[in-house]
Every structure is written in structure tokens, then in C-alpha cells.
Amino acid sequence: MFRFGYAVFRAGVLPRWSGVALVGTQGLPEAAQLFAAGVRDLGIAGMGAGLLAAGPASVSGA
């Protein structure tokens, strides 16, 4: 998940905060894992919302 989150942040195609949410929740102690899972889920949901807000991509050619 670290590499995926970093790639999302660097690419800037999806919301950058969602990449930070994925990277920031790695390696936390066991007591914080429940909270970290919620933050990760929000990050994934943010990526989906970003894709839906962008709309369909136009295909040119052919």
C-alpha cells in the first residue's frame, strides 16, 4: 500500500490526500489499527469520488 499511496500522491490524477491517507496509516501499533483502517477506507473512497467527479474520459481518433 505504501508504493500505491506514494504513486497516487505523485501522479496527481486522483486526490492527493487519498494517497497520503494510504501512506500515513502504514506500520501503526496494534491499538491504532482500527482507526487506521477507517482512514485507509476513506482514502479509497476519496479515490472513487475523484474518479466519479472527473466524468468519463473522451477518446479521440479511430
C-alpha atoms as a PDB file:
ATOM      1  CA  MET A   1       0.000   0.000   0.000  1.00  0.00           C
ATOM      2  CA  PHE A   2       2.909   2.351   0.595  1.00  0.00           C
ATOM      3  CA  ARG A   3       4.012   2.350  -3.037  1.00  0.00           C
ATOM      4  CA  PHE A   4       0.458   2.711  -4.287  1.00  0.00           C
ATOM      5  CA  GLY A   5      -0.215   5.643  -1.964  1.00  0.00           C
ATOM      6  CA  TYR A   6       3.036   7.304  -2.991  1.00  0.00           C
ATOM      7  CA  ALA A   7       2.217   6.813  -6.678  1.00  0.00           C
ATOM      8  CA  VAL A   8      -1.241   8.337  -6.188  1.00  0.00           C
ATOM      9  CA  PHE A   9       0.313  11.350  -4.468  1.00  0.00           C
ATOM     10  CA  ARG A  10       2.983  11.849  -7.139  1.00  0.00           C
ATOM     11  CA  ALA A  11       0.690  11.378 -10.148  1.00  0.00           C
ATOM     12  CA  GLY A  12      -1.881  13.941  -9.032  1.00  0.00           C
ATOM     13  CA  VAL A  13      -4.620  12.265 -11.079  1.00  0.00           C
ATOM     14  CA  LEU A  14      -6.595  11.203  -8.027  1.00  0.00           C
ATOM     15  CA  PRO A  15      -6.977  13.406  -4.933  1.00  0.00           C
ATOM     16  CA  ARG A  16      -3.559  13.701  -3.271  1.00  0.00           C
ATOM     17  CA  TRP A  17      -4.992  13.479   0.249  1.00  0.00           C
ATOM     18  CA  SER A  18      -6.155   9.938  -0.543  1.00  0.00           C
ATOM     19  CA  GLY A  19      -2.565   8.902  -1.283  1.00  0.00           C
ATOM     20  CA  VAL A  20      -1.404  10.499   1.954  1.00  0.00           C
ATOM     21  CA  ALA A  21      -4.130   8.581   3.814  1.00  0.00           C
ATOM     22  CA  LEU A  22      -2.798   5.297   2.438  1.00  0.00           C
ATOM     23  CA  VAL A  23       0.846   6.059   3.221  1.00  0.00           C
ATOM     24  CA  GLY A  24       0.176   7.569   6.646  1.00  0.00           C
ATOM     25  CA  THR A  25      -1.562   4.501   8.035  1.00  0.00           C
ATOM     26  CA  GLN A  26       1.270   2.015   7.440  1.00  0.00           C
ATOM     27  CA  GLY A  27       3.124   0.472  10.359  1.00  0.00           C
ATOM     28  CA  LEU A  28       0.991   1.780  13.193  1.00  0.00           C
ATOM     29  CA  PRO A  29       0.784  -0.105  16.506  1.00  0.00           C
ATOM     30  CA  GLU A  30      -1.959  -2.625  17.038  1.00  0.00           C
ATOM     31  CA  ALA A  31      -4.054  -0.269  19.160  1.00  0.00           C
ATOM     32  CA  ALA A  32      -4.310   2.222  16.298  1.00  0.00           C
ATOM     33  CA  GLN A  33      -5.152  -0.319  13.585  1.00  0.00           C
ATOM     34  CA  LEU A  34      -8.922   0.177  13.862  1.00  0.00           C
ATOM     35  CA  PHE A  35      -8.557   3.913  13.356  1.00  0.00           C
ATOM     36  CA  ALA A  36      -6.012   3.327  10.585  1.00  0.00           C
ATOM     37  CA  ALA A  37      -8.419   1.016   8.764  1.00  0.00           C
ATOM     38  CA  GLY A  38     -11.048   3.754   8.777  1.00  0.00           C
ATOM     39  CA  VAL A  39      -8.577   6.299   7.413  1.00  0.00           C
ATOM     40  CA  ARG A  40      -7.492   3.858   4.683  1.00  0.00           C
ATOM     41  CA  ASP A  41     -11.122   3.259   3.761  1.00  0.00           C
ATOM     42  CA  LEU A  42     -11.727   6.996   3.500  1.00  0.00           C
ATOM     43  CA  GLY A  43      -8.708   7.263   1.231  1.00  0.00           C
ATOM     44  CA  ILE A  44     -10.015   4.549  -1.081  1.00  0.00           C
ATOM     45  CA  ALA A  45     -13.473   6.175  -1.082  1.00  0.00           C
ATOM     46  CA  GLY A  46     -11.857   9.516  -1.928  1.00  0.00           C
ATOM     47  CA  MET A  47     -10.183   7.940  -4.942  1.00  0.00           C
ATOM     48  CA  GLY A  48     -13.535   6.629  -6.132  1.00  0.00           C
ATOM     49  CA  ALA A  49     -15.166  10.003  -5.610  1.00  0.00           C
ATOM     50  CA  GLY A  50     -12.364  11.642  -7.578  1.00  0.00           C
ATOM     51  CA  LEU A  51     -12.914   9.268 -10.466  1.00  0.00           C
ATOM     52  CA  LEU A  52     -16.655   9.840 -10.452  1.00  0.00           C
ATOM     53  CA  ALA A  53     -16.254  13.614 -10.286  1.00  0.00           C
ATOM     54  CA  ALA A  54     -13.868  13.605 -13.268  1.00  0.00           C
ATOM     55  CA  GLY A  55     -16.500  12.058 -15.520  1.00  0.00           C
ATOM     56  CA  PRO A  56     -15.882   9.821 -18.490  1.00  0.00           C
ATOM     57  CA  ALA A  57     -12.656  10.288 -20.425  1.00  0.00           C
ATOM     58  CA  SER A  58     -13.011  11.341 -24.028  1.00  0.00           C
ATOM     59  CA  VAL A  59     -11.440   9.055 -26.596  1.00  0.00           C
ATOM     60  CA  SER A  60     -10.275  10.652 -29.809  1.00  0.00           C
ATOM     61  CA  GLY A  61      -9.120   9.072 -33.012  1.00  0.00           C
ATOM     62  CA  ALA A  62     -10.299   5.952 -34.810  1.00  0.00           C
END
